[in-house]
Amino acid sequence: MNFWDLCVACGHGIGRACKAFGRLLAHMIRLSWRYWWLIILFLALSIAAALYYTRNENLKYKANAVALLNGPSIQQFQQTFAPLQSNRLVPDEAAIKPYLNKAQVTWFNTYRVIDCLDDDTPDFIDFKHSVSPTDTMNVPMRDRLCLQFRIKVRDLNEMPRIEEALLEWFNSNEAMQQSFAAYKKNLIDEAAFNHRQIIKLDSLTSHYYYHTPSGQQPNAYVGNGVNFYGERRIHIFLDKIYDQQEHMQLTDYRMQLATAPVVLENHFSLDPTPLNDRKIMLVLFVLLGWIGACILAQMIYKRKELMAWLRGE
């Protein structure tokens, strides 16, 4: 079979599938017309179920926040995060446990934060898990992750307490605390080194040197019994001082954020559109109700054959 034969076979298969779907849809429409009372009953029940499922007490929202890892690796964070995805693995004394028992907070997940220019600046969150690990243009950041969970919004005042309980769960982990201690020490050493380098570069601007352009007669200077030849100049290291100052500011900023192994760059924010949106749920429940009603109508239509089959005749 060549490529053309394969395309023809696929086209014939798609055509037969479309014809079968058309016949099924036509049969369901005929059943709906014949057993209209059953269809209306099921549609009414479906609408009532959709309205009950989407009442204010049952609305579920996604909550997102970007976590900054001060020392712990992505793997360490995932290992600490894994028990939250299974309620049975969280000890009863954990502050987050009551929210899990009440099913108020469910469906924990993480997403990578992408740096498009590889300049340590977060650009977007890969919610669809579509970025390849080998992509050199969209680089996953090593110190940031997006946390997400689903919450039943009965009381928005609970959000700060849930956020505090989550941070306590992460920051009480012993392995993450050890990584944080090593990271904090390295930051302190780096900050001290940067300050020393700034002082050294600044001190160099007060020293003169003597430069003799090629092809010109050097000038002579006498100081402390030493002859200096050339043009007296002072070297300004402004570009290097500015670069070092920028690096020092970045280090100081990281030190200010490094108050715990895991900190949030922003508080958890709720997606304005609920997962069980009323319009979407109405369409879905009505469709499922119509399909269920057609199945029951088909069983009533074929009741004699069905009873004979059950009796083994």
C-alpha atoms as a PDB file:
ATOM      1  CA  MET A   1       0.000   0.000   0.000  1.00  0.00           C
ATOM      2  CA  ASN A   2       1.434   3.358  -1.016  1.00  0.00           C
ATOM      3  CA  PHE A   3       0.713   6.767   0.467  1.00  0.00           C
ATOM      4  CA  TRP A   4      -2.110   7.490  -1.986  1.00  0.00           C
ATOM      5  CA  ASP A   5      -3.885   4.231  -1.115  1.00  0.00           C
ATOM      6  CA  LEU A   6      -3.540   5.066   2.579  1.00  0.00           C
ATOM      7  CA  CYS A   7      -5.101   8.499   2.023  1.00  0.00           C
ATOM      8  CA  VAL A   8      -7.988   6.945   0.067  1.00  0.00           C
ATOM      9  CA  ALA A   9      -8.592   4.361   2.791  1.00  0.00           C
ATOM     10  CA  CYS A  10      -8.585   7.073   5.470  1.00  0.00           C
ATOM     11  CA  GLY A  11     -11.010   9.153   3.394  1.00  0.00           C
ATOM     12  CA  HIS A  12     -13.378   6.206   2.998  1.00  0.00           C
ATOM     13  CA  GLY A  13     -13.199   5.505   6.742  1.00  0.00           C
ATOM     14  CA  ILE A  14     -13.999   9.131   7.602  1.00  0.00           C
ATOM     15  CA  GLY A  15     -16.887   9.080   5.120  1.00  0.00           C
ATOM     16  CA  ARG A  16     -18.373   5.911   6.607  1.00  0.00           C
ATOM     17  CA  ALA A  17     -18.018   7.371  10.125  1.00  0.00           C
ATOM     18  CA  CYS A  18     -19.853  10.544   9.056  1.00  0.00           C
ATOM     19  CA  LYS A  19     -22.661   8.522   7.460  1.00  0.00           C
ATOM     20  CA  ALA A  20     -23.007   6.371  10.570  1.00  0.00           C
ATOM     21  CA  PHE A  21     -23.150   9.454  12.768  1.00  0.00           C
ATOM     22  CA  GLY A  22     -25.775  10.996  10.492  1.00  0.00           C
ATOM     23  CA  ARG A  23     -27.951   7.866  10.677  1.00  0.00           C
ATOM     24  CA  LEU A  24     -27.583   7.769  14.463  1.00  0.00           C
ATOM     25  CA  LEU A  25     -28.542  11.442  14.773  1.00  0.00           C
ATOM     26  CA  ALA A  26     -31.575  10.940  12.533  1.00  0.00           C
ATOM     27  CA  HIS A  27     -32.670   7.944  14.612  1.00  0.00           C
ATOM     28  CA  MET A  28     -32.316   9.945  17.842  1.00  0.00           C
ATOM     29  CA  ILE A  29     -34.428  12.763  16.361  1.00  0.00           C
ATOM     30  CA  ARG A  30     -37.159  10.254  15.433  1.00  0.00           C
ATOM     31  CA  LEU A  31     -37.063   8.777  18.945  1.00  0.00           C
ATOM     32  CA  SER A  32     -37.301  12.292  20.387  1.00  0.00           C
ATOM     33  CA  TRP A  33     -40.379  13.011  18.269  1.00  0.00           C
ATOM     34  CA  ARG A  34     -42.029   9.702  19.146  1.00  0.00           C
ATOM     35  CA  TYR A  35     -41.287   9.799  22.895  1.00  0.00           C
ATOM     36  CA  TRP A  36     -41.450  13.555  23.356  1.00  0.00           C
ATOM     37  CA  TRP A  37     -42.851  13.248  26.890  1.00  0.00           C
ATOM     38  CA  LEU A  38     -39.788  11.256  27.978  1.00  0.00           C
ATOM     39  CA  ILE A  39     -37.420  13.790  26.375  1.00  0.00           C
ATOM     40  CA  ILE A  40     -39.140  16.709  28.109  1.00  0.00           C
ATOM     41  CA  LEU A  41     -38.983  14.912  31.466  1.00  0.00           C
ATOM     42  CA  PHE A  42     -35.263  14.188  31.115  1.00  0.00           C
ATOM     43  CA  LEU A  43     -34.484  17.720  29.923  1.00  0.00           C
ATOM     44  CA  ALA A  44     -36.325  19.189  32.914  1.00  0.00           C
ATOM     45  CA  LEU A  45     -34.377  16.928  35.270  1.00  0.00           C
ATOM     46  CA  SER A  46     -31.123  17.847  33.527  1.00  0.00           C
ATOM     47  CA  ILE A  47     -31.791  21.576  33.853  1.00  0.00           C
ATOM     48  CA  ALA A  48     -32.664  21.154  37.540  1.00  0.00           C
ATOM     49  CA  ALA A  49     -29.473  19.143  38.131  1.00  0.00           C
ATOM     50  CA  ALA A  50     -27.371  21.770  36.308  1.00  0.00           C
ATOM     51  CA  LEU A  51     -28.874  24.597  38.355  1.00  0.00           C
ATOM     52  CA  TYR A  52     -28.242  22.673  41.577  1.00  0.00           C
ATOM     53  CA  TYR A  53     -24.657  21.854  40.596  1.00  0.00           C
ATOM     54  CA  THR A  54     -23.886  25.487  39.751  1.00  0.00           C
ATOM     55  CA  ARG A  55     -25.429  27.125  42.807  1.00  0.00           C
ATOM     56  CA  ASN A  56     -23.173  29.534  44.700  1.00  0.00           C
ATOM     57  CA  GLU A  57     -22.201  26.972  47.342  1.00  0.00           C
ATOM     58  CA  ASN A  58     -20.880  24.577  44.681  1.00  0.00           C
ATOM     59  CA  LEU A  59     -18.960  26.993  42.470  1.00  0.00           C
ATOM     60  CA  LYS A  60     -15.300  26.025  42.071  1.00  0.00           C
ATOM     61  CA  TYR A  61     -12.522  28.385  41.029  1.00  0.00           C
ATOM     62  CA  LYS A  62      -8.864  28.052  40.126  1.00  0.00           C
ATOM     63  CA  ALA A  63      -6.405  29.844  42.420  1.00  0.00           C
ATOM     64  CA  ASN A  64      -2.929  30.651  41.046  1.00  0.00           C
ATOM     65  CA  ALA A  65       0.274  32.071  42.507  1.00  0.00           C
ATOM     66  CA  VAL A  66       3.942  32.100  41.458  1.00  0.00           C
ATOM     67  CA  ALA A  67       6.303  30.598  44.048  1.00  0.00           C
ATOM     68  CA  LEU A  68       9.943  31.667  44.306  1.00  0.00           C
ATOM     69  CA  LEU A  69      12.328  28.902  45.435  1.00  0.00           C
ATOM     70  CA  ASN A  70      15.146  30.237  47.598  1.00  0.00           C
ATOM     71  CA  GLY A  71      17.586  27.363  47.389  1.00  0.00           C
ATOM     72  CA  PRO A  72      15.411  24.236  46.952  1.00  0.00           C
ATOM     73  CA  SER A  73      15.425  22.659  43.513  1.00  0.00           C
ATOM     74  CA  ILE A  74      12.364  21.925  41.414  1.00  0.00           C
ATOM     75  CA  GLN A  75      12.706  18.226  42.296  1.00  0.00           C
ATOM     76  CA  GLN A  76      12.773  18.961  46.034  1.00  0.00           C
ATOM     77  CA  PHE A  77       9.713  21.154  45.709  1.00  0.00           C
ATOM     78  CA  GLN A  78       7.822  18.497  43.733  1.00  0.00           C
ATOM     79  CA  GLN A  79       8.607  15.866  46.370  1.00  0.00           C
ATOM     80  CA  THR A  80       7.240  18.134  49.094  1.00  0.00           C
ATOM     81  CA  PHE A  81       4.263  19.070  46.934  1.00  0.00           C
ATOM     82  CA  ALA A  82       3.297  15.466  46.064  1.00  0.00           C
ATOM     83  CA  PRO A  83       1.562  14.604  49.408  1.00  0.00           C
ATOM     84  CA  LEU A  84      -0.887  17.482  48.910  1.00  0.00           C
ATOM     85  CA  GLN A  85      -2.211  15.705  45.826  1.00  0.00           C
ATOM     86  CA  SER A  86      -3.210  12.769  48.048  1.00  0.00           C
ATOM     87  CA  ASN A  87      -5.101  13.647  51.214  1.00  0.00           C
ATOM     88  CA  ARG A  88      -4.042  10.391  52.883  1.00  0.00           C
ATOM     89  CA  LEU A  89      -0.343  11.349  52.892  1.00  0.00           C
ATOM     90  CA  VAL A  90      -0.787  14.630  54.803  1.00  0.00           C
ATOM     91  CA  PRO A  91      -0.446  14.258  58.605  1.00  0.00           C
ATOM     92  CA  ASP A  92      -3.349  15.355  60.774  1.00  0.00           C
ATOM     93  CA  GLU A  93      -1.276  17.998  62.571  1.00  0.00           C
ATOM     94  CA  ALA A  94      -0.565  19.881  59.315  1.00  0.00           C
ATOM     95  CA  ALA A  95      -2.283  23.268  59.085  1.00  0.00           C
ATOM     96  CA  ILE A  96      -3.560  22.489  55.579  1.00  0.00           C
ATOM     97  CA  LYS A  97      -5.218  19.216  56.648  1.00  0.00           C
ATOM     98  CA  PRO A  98      -8.632  20.677  57.709  1.00  0.00           C
ATOM     99  CA  TYR A  99      -9.103  22.284  54.290  1.00  0.00           C
ATOM    100  CA  LEU A 100      -8.335  18.973  52.580  1.00  0.00           C
ATOM    101  CA  ASN A 101     -10.738  17.054  54.810  1.00  0.00           C
ATOM    102  CA  LYS A 102     -13.554  19.466  54.007  1.00  0.00           C
ATOM    103  CA  ALA A 103     -12.722  19.164  50.273  1.00  0.00           C
ATOM    104  CA  GLN A 104     -12.597  22.955  50.252  1.00  0.00           C
ATOM    105  CA  VAL A 105      -9.178  22.864  48.557  1.00  0.00           C
ATOM    106  CA  THR A 106      -8.626  20.165  45.927  1.00  0.00           C
ATOM    107  CA  TRP A 107      -6.812  19.308  42.710  1.00  0.00           C
ATOM    108  CA  PHE A 108      -3.310  20.653  43.364  1.00  0.00           C
ATOM    109  CA  ASN A 109      -1.044  21.160  40.354  1.00  0.00           C
ATOM    110  CA  THR A 110       2.152  22.947  39.297  1.00  0.00           C
ATOM    111  CA  TYR A 111       3.176  24.636  36.056  1.00  0.00           C
ATOM    112  CA  ARG A 112       6.585  25.810  34.864  1.00  0.00           C
ATOM    113  CA  VAL A 113       7.328  29.522  34.518  1.00  0.00           C
ATOM    114  CA  ILE A 114       8.933  30.291  31.144  1.00  0.00           C
ATOM    115  CA  ASP A 115      11.735  32.763  30.457  1.00  0.00           C
ATOM    116  CA  CYS A 116      11.712  33.547  26.731  1.00  0.00           C
ATOM    117  CA  LEU A 117      14.953  35.590  26.626  1.00  0.00           C
ATOM    118  CA  ASP A 118      16.857  33.615  29.299  1.00  0.00           C
ATOM    119  CA  ASP A 119      17.392  36.835  31.286  1.00  0.00           C
ATOM    120  CA  ASP A 120      15.975  35.632  34.647  1.00  0.00           C
ATOM    121  CA  THR A 121      12.707  37.441  33.940  1.00  0.00           C
ATOM    122  CA  PRO A 122       9.445  35.410  33.945  1.00  0.00           C
ATOM    123  CA  ASP A 123       7.480  35.911  30.733  1.00  0.00           C
ATOM    124  CA  PHE A 124       4.543  33.480  30.837  1.00  0.00           C
ATOM    125  CA  ILE A 125       3.243  30.339  32.555  1.00  0.00           C
ATOM    126  CA  ASP A 126       3.040  27.094  30.617  1.00  0.00           C
ATOM    127  CA  PHE A 127      -0.500  26.086  31.648  1.00  0.00           C
ATOM    128  CA  LYS A 128      -0.827  23.719  28.667  1.00  0.00           C
ATOM    129  CA  HIS A 129       2.498  21.914  29.274  1.00  0.00           C
ATOM    130  CA  SER A 130       3.391  22.650  25.663  1.00  0.00           C
ATOM    131  CA  VAL A 131       6.975  23.899  26.096  1.00  0.00           C
ATOM    132  CA  SER A 132       9.625  21.296  25.343  1.00  0.00           C
ATOM    133  CA  PRO A 133      12.500  20.932  27.861  1.00  0.00           C
ATOM    134  CA  THR A 134      14.954  21.201  24.947  1.00  0.00           C
ATOM    135  CA  ASP A 135      13.505  24.488  23.643  1.00  0.00           C
ATOM    136  CA  THR A 136      16.286  27.075  23.777  1.00  0.00           C
ATOM    137  CA  MET A 137      13.940  30.007  23.147  1.00  0.00           C
ATOM    138  CA  ASN A 138      11.441  29.212  25.927  1.00  0.00           C
ATOM    139  CA  VAL A 139      13.547  28.217  28.923  1.00  0.00           C
ATOM    140  CA  PRO A 140      11.785  26.919  32.091  1.00  0.00           C
ATOM    141  CA  MET A 141      13.012  28.878  35.105  1.00  0.00           C
ATOM    142  CA  ARG A 142      14.827  26.928  37.812  1.00  0.00           C
ATOM    143  CA  ASP A 143      13.681  29.027  40.773  1.00  0.00           C
ATOM    144  CA  ARG A 144      10.014  29.695  39.997  1.00  0.00           C
ATOM    145  CA  LEU A 145       6.877  27.554  39.751  1.00  0.00           C
ATOM    146  CA  CYS A 146       3.205  28.380  39.406  1.00  0.00           C
ATOM    147  CA  LEU A 147       1.012  26.739  42.071  1.00  0.00           C
ATOM    148  CA  GLN A 148      -2.625  26.036  41.360  1.00  0.00           C
ATOM    149  CA  PHE A 149      -5.490  24.489  43.293  1.00  0.00           C
ATOM    150  CA  ARG A 150      -9.260  24.443  43.088  1.00  0.00           C
ATOM    151  CA  ILE A 151     -11.334  25.983  45.829  1.00  0.00           C
ATOM    152  CA  LYS A 152     -15.011  26.213  46.702  1.00  0.00           C
ATOM    153  CA  VAL A 153     -15.496  29.896  47.378  1.00  0.00           C
ATOM    154  CA  ARG A 154     -17.790  30.102  50.363  1.00  0.00           C
ATOM    155  CA  ASP A 155     -15.703  32.624  52.278  1.00  0.00           C
ATOM    156  CA  LEU A 156     -12.987  34.674  50.587  1.00  0.00           C
ATOM    157  CA  ASN A 157     -11.552  35.503  53.996  1.00  0.00           C
ATOM    158  CA  GLU A 158     -10.240  31.927  54.102  1.00  0.00           C
ATOM    159  CA  MET A 159      -7.827  32.557  51.226  1.00  0.00           C
ATOM    160  CA  PRO A 160      -5.067  34.199  53.349  1.00  0.00           C
ATOM    161  CA  ARG A 161      -5.274  31.357  55.885  1.00  0.00           C
ATOM    162  CA  ILE A 162      -5.051  28.731  53.138  1.00  0.00           C
ATOM    163  CA  GLU A 163      -2.045  30.550  51.659  1.00  0.00           C
ATOM    164  CA  GLU A 164      -0.370  30.660  55.078  1.00  0.00           C
ATOM    165  CA  ALA A 165      -1.045  26.945  55.639  1.00  0.00           C
ATOM    166  CA  LEU A 166       0.480  26.053  52.265  1.00  0.00           C
ATOM    167  CA  LEU A 167       3.630  28.085  52.940  1.00  0.00           C
ATOM    168  CA  GLU A 168       3.952  26.487  56.368  1.00  0.00           C
ATOM    169  CA  TRP A 169       3.759  23.047  54.734  1.00  0.00           C
ATOM    170  CA  PHE A 170       6.604  23.843  52.338  1.00  0.00           C
ATOM    171  CA  ASN A 171       8.834  25.820  54.692  1.00  0.00           C
ATOM    172  CA  SER A 172       8.682  23.256  57.499  1.00  0.00           C
ATOM    173  CA  ASN A 173      10.316  20.591  55.330  1.00  0.00           C
ATOM    174  CA  GLU A 174      13.783  19.745  56.685  1.00  0.00           C
ATOM    175  CA  ALA A 175      15.456  19.146  53.317  1.00  0.00           C
ATOM    176  CA  MET A 176      14.171  22.453  51.951  1.00  0.00           C
ATOM    177  CA  GLN A 177      15.381  24.270  55.064  1.00  0.00           C
ATOM    178  CA  GLN A 178      18.890  22.872  54.561  1.00  0.00           C
ATOM    179  CA  SER A 179      18.924  24.016  50.931  1.00  0.00           C
ATOM    180  CA  PHE A 180      17.677  27.430  52.034  1.00  0.00           C
ATOM    181  CA  ALA A 181      20.444  27.775  54.658  1.00  0.00           C
ATOM    182  CA  ALA A 182      23.145  27.056  52.074  1.00  0.00           C
ATOM    183  CA  TYR A 183      21.515  29.439  49.588  1.00  0.00           C
ATOM    184  CA  LYS A 184      21.268  32.242  52.155  1.00  0.00           C
ATOM    185  CA  LYS A 185      24.944  31.873  53.107  1.00  0.00           C
ATOM    186  CA  ASN A 186      25.984  32.055  49.447  1.00  0.00           C
ATOM    187  CA  LEU A 187      23.882  35.207  49.003  1.00  0.00           C
ATOM    188  CA  ILE A 188      25.509  36.883  52.010  1.00  0.00           C
ATOM    189  CA  ASP A 189      28.988  36.032  50.715  1.00  0.00           C
ATOM    190  CA  GLU A 190      28.085  37.271  47.232  1.00  0.00           C
ATOM    191  CA  ALA A 191      26.687  40.537  48.607  1.00  0.00           C
ATOM    192  CA  ALA A 192      29.855  41.150  50.661  1.00  0.00           C
ATOM    193  CA  PHE A 193      32.036  40.439  47.625  1.00  0.00           C
ATOM    194  CA  ASN A 194      30.014  42.842  45.476  1.00  0.00           C
ATOM    195  CA  HIS A 195      30.389  45.645  48.006  1.00  0.00           C
ATOM    196  CA  ARG A 196      34.150  45.080  48.201  1.00  0.00           C
ATOM    197  CA  GLN A 197      34.418  45.178  44.402  1.00  0.00           C
ATOM    198  CA  ILE A 198      32.524  48.468  44.247  1.00  0.00           C
ATOM    199  CA  ILE A 199      34.964  50.022  46.725  1.00  0.00           C
ATOM    200  CA  LYS A 200      37.973  48.710  44.779  1.00  0.00           C
ATOM    201  CA  LEU A 201      36.688  50.000  41.451  1.00  0.00           C
ATOM    202  CA  ASP A 202      35.879  53.369  42.961  1.00  0.00           C
ATOM    203  CA  SER A 203      39.354  53.643  44.509  1.00  0.00           C
ATOM    204  CA  LEU A 204      40.992  53.061  41.121  1.00  0.00           C
ATOM    205  CA  THR A 205      39.519  56.296  39.773  1.00  0.00           C
ATOM    206  CA  SER A 206      41.850  58.319  42.088  1.00  0.00           C
ATOM    207  CA  HIS A 207      45.068  56.889  40.606  1.00  0.00           C
ATOM    208  CA  TYR A 208      46.876  58.474  37.648  1.00  0.00           C
ATOM    209  CA  TYR A 209      48.734  56.671  34.903  1.00  0.00           C
ATOM    210  CA  TYR A 210      50.958  57.960  32.123  1.00  0.00           C
ATOM    211  CA  HIS A 211      50.229  57.264  28.505  1.00  0.00           C
ATOM    212  CA  THR A 212      52.555  58.030  25.559  1.00  0.00           C
ATOM    213  CA  PRO A 213      50.755  57.985  22.187  1.00  0.00           C
ATOM    214  CA  SER A 214      52.751  56.269  19.474  1.00  0.00           C
ATOM    215  CA  GLY A 215      54.784  58.619  17.253  1.00  0.00           C
ATOM    216  CA  GLN A 216      54.810  61.437  19.817  1.00  0.00           C
ATOM    217  CA  GLN A 217      57.598  62.699  22.059  1.00  0.00           C
ATOM    218  CA  PRO A 218      56.955  61.658  25.654  1.00  0.00           C
ATOM    219  CA  ASN A 219      56.781  64.244  28.415  1.00  0.00           C
ATOM    220  CA  ALA A 220      58.808  63.690  31.548  1.00  0.00           C
ATOM    221  CA  TYR A 221      57.422  63.886  35.070  1.00  0.00           C
ATOM    222  CA  VAL A 222      59.446  63.621  38.208  1.00  0.00           C
ATOM    223  CA  GLY A 223      57.918  62.485  41.470  1.00  0.00           C
ATOM    224  CA  ASN A 224      59.609  61.081  44.561  1.00  0.00           C
ATOM    225  CA  GLY A 225      62.813  60.627  42.598  1.00  0.00           C
ATOM    226  CA  VAL A 226      61.091  58.535  39.881  1.00  0.00           C
ATOM    227  CA  ASN A 227      60.785  59.643  36.261  1.00  0.00           C
ATOM    228  CA  PHE A 228      57.388  59.089  34.540  1.00  0.00           C
ATOM    229  CA  TYR A 229      57.105  59.469  30.788  1.00  0.00           C
ATOM    230  CA  GLY A 230      53.872  60.053  28.912  1.00  0.00           C
ATOM    231  CA  GLU A 231      50.630  62.000  29.161  1.00  0.00           C
ATOM    232  CA  ARG A 232      49.167  62.132  32.640  1.00  0.00           C
ATOM    233  CA  ARG A 233      45.637  60.652  32.675  1.00  0.00           C
ATOM    234  CA  ILE A 234      43.068  59.310  35.135  1.00  0.00           C
ATOM    235  CA  HIS A 235      41.058  56.149  34.327  1.00  0.00           C
ATOM    236  CA  ILE A 236      37.304  56.327  34.981  1.00  0.00           C
ATOM    237  CA  PHE A 237      35.748  52.846  35.435  1.00  0.00           C
ATOM    238  CA  LEU A 238      32.172  54.049  35.188  1.00  0.00           C
ATOM    239  CA  ASP A 239      30.960  51.251  32.905  1.00  0.00           C
ATOM    240  CA  LYS A 240      32.378  48.561  35.174  1.00  0.00           C
ATOM    241  CA  ILE A 241      31.127  50.338  38.277  1.00  0.00           C
ATOM    242  CA  TYR A 242      27.608  50.528  36.811  1.00  0.00           C
ATOM    243  CA  ASP A 243      27.678  46.826  35.877  1.00  0.00           C
ATOM    244  CA  GLN A 244      28.864  45.873  39.346  1.00  0.00           C
ATOM    245  CA  GLN A 245      26.285  48.153  40.931  1.00  0.00           C
ATOM    246  CA  GLU A 246      23.491  46.526  38.932  1.00  0.00           C
ATOM    247  CA  HIS A 247      24.661  43.065  39.969  1.00  0.00           C
ATOM    248  CA  MET A 248      24.874  44.215  43.588  1.00  0.00           C
ATOM    249  CA  GLN A 249      21.314  45.559  43.498  1.00  0.00           C
ATOM    250  CA  LEU A 250      20.059  42.268  42.090  1.00  0.00           C
ATOM    251  CA  THR A 251      21.824  40.338  44.851  1.00  0.00           C
ATOM    252  CA  ASP A 252      20.424  42.647  47.525  1.00  0.00           C
ATOM    253  CA  TYR A 253      16.933  42.208  46.066  1.00  0.00           C
ATOM    254  CA  ARG A 254      17.286  38.421  46.171  1.00  0.00           C
ATOM    255  CA  MET A 255      18.428  38.685  49.799  1.00  0.00           C
ATOM    256  CA  GLN A 256      15.319  40.667  50.696  1.00  0.00           C
ATOM    257  CA  LEU A 257      13.102  37.982  49.138  1.00  0.00           C
ATOM    258  CA  ALA A 258      15.038  35.108  50.721  1.00  0.00           C
ATOM    259  CA  THR A 259      13.080  35.050  53.979  1.00  0.00           C
ATOM    260  CA  ALA A 260      12.042  31.377  53.689  1.00  0.00           C
ATOM    261  CA  PRO A 261      12.670  28.373  51.417  1.00  0.00           C
ATOM    262  CA  VAL A 262       9.467  29.168  49.481  1.00  0.00           C
ATOM    263  CA  VAL A 263       7.892  32.608  49.161  1.00  0.00           C
ATOM    264  CA  LEU A 264       5.095  33.813  46.916  1.00  0.00           C
ATOM    265  CA  GLU A 265       5.763  36.597  44.432  1.00  0.00           C
ATOM    266  CA  ASN A 266       2.059  37.379  44.508  1.00  0.00           C
ATOM    267  CA  HIS A 267      -0.870  36.317  46.645  1.00  0.00           C
ATOM    268  CA  PHE A 268      -3.168  33.615  45.325  1.00  0.00           C
ATOM    269  CA  SER A 269      -5.621  35.092  42.846  1.00  0.00           C
ATOM    270  CA  LEU A 270      -8.881  33.505  41.732  1.00  0.00           C
ATOM    271  CA  ASP A 271      -9.780  32.958  38.105  1.00  0.00           C
ATOM    272  CA  PRO A 272     -12.928  35.070  37.554  1.00  0.00           C
ATOM    273  CA  THR A 273     -14.624  32.304  35.537  1.00  0.00           C
ATOM    274  CA  PRO A 274     -15.720  29.303  37.645  1.00  0.00           C
ATOM    275  CA  LEU A 275     -14.907  25.812  36.469  1.00  0.00           C
ATOM    276  CA  ASN A 276     -18.570  24.827  36.659  1.00  0.00           C
ATOM    277  CA  ASP A 277     -19.887  27.890  34.872  1.00  0.00           C
ATOM    278  CA  ARG A 278     -23.679  27.849  34.710  1.00  0.00           C
ATOM    279  CA  LYS A 279     -23.979  28.354  30.944  1.00  0.00           C
ATOM    280  CA  ILE A 280     -21.481  25.608  30.126  1.00  0.00           C
ATOM    281  CA  MET A 281     -23.012  23.211  32.643  1.00  0.00           C
ATOM    282  CA  LEU A 282     -26.526  23.830  31.299  1.00  0.00           C
ATOM    283  CA  VAL A 283     -25.419  22.926  27.773  1.00  0.00           C
ATOM    284  CA  LEU A 284     -23.528  19.857  28.993  1.00  0.00           C
ATOM    285  CA  PHE A 285     -26.316  18.572  31.253  1.00  0.00           C
ATOM    286  CA  VAL A 286     -28.978  19.126  28.581  1.00  0.00           C
ATOM    287  CA  LEU A 287     -26.882  17.213  26.055  1.00  0.00           C
ATOM    288  CA  LEU A 288     -26.312  14.342  28.488  1.00  0.00           C
ATOM    289  CA  GLY A 289     -29.997  14.350  29.427  1.00  0.00           C
ATOM    290  CA  TRP A 290     -31.045  14.143  25.772  1.00  0.00           C
ATOM    291  CA  ILE A 291     -28.651  11.260  25.121  1.00  0.00           C
ATOM    292  CA  GLY A 292     -29.868   9.420  28.236  1.00  0.00           C
ATOM    293  CA  ALA A 293     -33.502   9.977  27.250  1.00  0.00           C
ATOM    294  CA  CYS A 294     -32.822   8.631  23.732  1.00  0.00           C
ATOM    295  CA  ILE A 295     -31.173   5.517  25.193  1.00  0.00           C
ATOM    296  CA  LEU A 296     -34.188   4.893  27.438  1.00  0.00           C
ATOM    297  CA  ALA A 297     -36.536   5.583  24.527  1.00  0.00           C
ATOM    298  CA  GLN A 298     -34.628   3.050  22.402  1.00  0.00           C
ATOM    299  CA  MET A 299     -35.003   0.461  25.182  1.00  0.00           C
ATOM    300  CA  ILE A 300     -38.759   1.129  25.313  1.00  0.00           C
ATOM    301  CA  TYR A 301     -38.940   0.943  21.515  1.00  0.00           C
ATOM    302  CA  LYS A 302     -37.119  -2.392  21.507  1.00  0.00           C
ATOM    303  CA  ARG A 303     -38.636  -3.690  24.729  1.00  0.00           C
ATOM    304  CA  LYS A 304     -39.970  -6.896  23.150  1.00  0.00           C
ATOM    305  CA  GLU A 305     -36.600  -7.854  21.652  1.00  0.00           C
ATOM    306  CA  LEU A 306     -34.893  -6.881  24.917  1.00  0.00           C
ATOM    307  CA  MET A 307     -37.192  -9.016  27.061  1.00  0.00           C
ATOM    308  CA  ALA A 308     -36.755 -11.939  24.673  1.00  0.00           C
ATOM    309  CA  TRP A 309     -33.003 -11.586  24.899  1.00  0.00           C
ATOM    310  CA  LEU A 310     -33.155 -11.477  28.709  1.00  0.00           C
ATOM    311  CA  ARG A 311     -35.281 -14.660  28.734  1.00  0.00           C
ATOM    312  CA  GLY A 312     -32.756 -16.289  26.406  1.00  0.00           C
ATOM    313  CA  GLU A 313     -35.243 -16.874  23.635  1.00  0.00           C
END
